Amino acid sequence: MKATQFWILLICSLVICALLLKEFLLSRTLYYQERNMGDAEEIAASGSSYEAAWKQLAIRIYEVGHQDPELMNVLKSENIGVHQAPPAVNATSPPSTAEPPGYPAPVPDHP
């Protein structure tokens, strides 16, 4: 074996080892990314149950806030407004077309 053949084989084997090491590290990173993505998807799928729990907590704080003046003072000092929810709309009444405050009224396309 000549010296040039030795160096060519040595360099090629080093390149192959570097590529194998890079493939190992990238596949490991990809595995953890996929696992984290799966965990995030599970959390996002259970978001509706969190929403229901937060609504129940807000209702409970509202109910207790009217009974306990100290709690109401703490909520006011933290700038947390406690408001009663608007009454439910009956099935017989027409839906409201009023815009929320701060929104301009819709402009008709034709005069």
Protein backbone atom coordinates (compact mmCIF):
# COMPACT_ATOMS: atom_id res chain seq x y z
CA MET A 1 0.00 0.00 0.00
CA LYS A 2 1.37 3.32 -1.00
CA ALA A 3 1.36 6.39 1.23
CA THR A 4 -1.20 8.21 -0.93
CA GLN A 5 -3.59 5.25 -0.77
CA PHE A 6 -3.23 5.19 3.01
CA TRP A 7 -4.08 8.87 3.38
CA ILE A 8 -7.01 8.67 0.97
CA LEU A 9 -8.47 5.70 2.87
CA LEU A 10 -7.86 7.42 6.21
CA ILE A 11 -9.58 10.63 5.12
CA CYS A 12 -12.51 8.73 3.60
CA SER A 13 -12.97 6.68 6.77
CA LEU A 14 -12.90 9.84 8.89
CA VAL A 15 -15.54 11.42 6.67
CA ILE A 16 -17.72 8.31 6.95
CA CYS A 17 -17.30 8.27 10.75
CA ALA A 18 -18.24 11.95 10.94
CA LEU A 19 -21.34 11.31 8.81
CA LEU A 20 -22.36 8.35 10.99
CA LEU A 21 -21.91 10.42 14.14
CA LYS A 22 -23.96 13.26 12.66
CA GLU A 23 -26.71 10.82 11.61
CA PHE A 24 -26.81 9.39 15.14
CA LEU A 25 -27.07 12.83 16.75
CA LEU A 26 -29.72 14.03 14.29
CA SER A 27 -31.85 10.91 14.70
CA ARG A 28 -31.65 11.26 18.49
CA THR A 29 -32.70 14.92 18.25
CA LEU A 30 -35.54 14.02 15.92
CA TYR A 31 -36.75 11.32 18.31
CA TYR A 32 -36.95 13.80 21.20
CA GLN A 33 -38.64 16.41 19.00
CA GLU A 34 -41.31 13.90 17.95
CA ARG A 35 -41.85 12.88 21.57
CA ASN A 36 -42.21 16.52 22.64
CA MET A 37 -44.61 17.14 19.74
CA GLY A 38 -46.75 14.20 20.86
CA ASP A 39 -46.86 15.58 24.40
CA ALA A 40 -47.85 19.01 23.10
CA GLU A 41 -50.61 17.49 20.95
CA GLU A 42 -52.01 15.66 23.99
CA ILE A 43 -52.04 18.89 25.99
CA ALA A 44 -53.72 20.77 23.14
CA ALA A 45 -56.34 18.03 22.79
CA SER A 46 -57.22 18.33 26.47
CA GLY A 47 -57.60 22.13 26.24
CA SER A 48 -61.40 22.01 26.27
CA SER A 49 -61.39 20.35 29.69
CA TYR A 50 -59.13 23.12 30.99
CA GLU A 51 -61.57 25.71 29.66
CA ALA A 52 -64.46 24.08 31.50
CA ALA A 53 -62.40 23.93 34.71
CA TRP A 54 -61.49 27.63 34.43
CA LYS A 55 -65.14 28.55 33.89
CA GLN A 56 -66.16 26.57 36.98
CA LEU A 57 -63.42 28.31 38.98
CA ALA A 58 -64.53 31.74 37.75
CA ILE A 59 -68.15 31.00 38.67
CA ARG A 60 -67.09 29.84 42.12
CA ILE A 61 -64.98 32.98 42.68
CA TYR A 62 -67.90 35.13 41.54
CA GLU A 63 -70.27 33.40 43.96
CA VAL A 64 -67.87 33.58 46.89
CA GLY A 65 -66.82 37.13 46.04
CA HIS A 66 -70.30 38.46 46.79
CA GLN A 67 -70.40 36.62 50.12
CA ASP A 68 -66.88 37.54 51.29
CA PRO A 69 -66.10 41.28 51.23
CA GLU A 70 -62.39 40.65 51.90
CA LEU A 71 -62.11 38.47 48.80
CA MET A 72 -63.89 41.16 46.79
CA ASN A 73 -61.40 43.76 48.10
CA VAL A 74 -58.44 41.52 47.17
CA LEU A 75 -59.86 41.01 43.67
CA LYS A 76 -60.38 44.77 43.26
CA SER A 77 -56.86 45.54 44.51
CA GLU A 78 -55.46 43.13 41.89
CA ASN A 79 -57.61 44.81 39.17
CA ILE A 80 -59.68 41.68 38.64
CA GLY A 81 -63.22 42.63 37.73
CA VAL A 82 -65.97 40.32 38.88
CA HIS A 83 -69.00 40.64 36.65
CA GLN A 84 -72.10 38.59 36.31
CA ALA A 85 -72.48 36.76 33.02
CA PRO A 86 -75.13 38.13 30.65
CA PRO A 87 -78.47 36.33 30.85
CA ALA A 88 -78.94 33.38 28.54
CA VAL A 89 -80.84 34.02 25.32
CA ASN A 90 -84.20 32.23 25.05
CA ALA A 91 -84.88 30.07 22.05
CA THR A 92 -87.97 32.21 21.27
CA SER A 93 -86.15 35.55 21.24
CA PRO A 94 -84.35 36.63 18.06
CA PRO A 95 -80.55 36.68 18.14
CA SER A 96 -78.96 39.98 19.02
CA THR A 97 -77.41 41.90 16.12
CA ALA A 98 -75.88 44.62 18.27
CA GLU A 99 -72.13 45.00 17.94
CA PRO A 100 -69.99 44.93 21.08
CA PRO A 101 -68.84 48.32 22.36
CA GLY A 102 -65.86 49.66 20.50
CA TYR A 103 -66.81 48.15 17.15
CA PRO A 104 -68.26 50.34 14.41
CA ALA A 105 -71.65 49.50 13.04
CA PRO A 106 -71.58 47.65 9.70
CA VAL A 107 -71.84 49.89 6.66
CA PRO A 108 -74.25 48.75 3.92
CA ASP A 109 -72.71 48.13 0.52
CA HIS A 110 -75.36 50.08 -1.41
CA PRO A 111 -77.00 53.36 -0.35
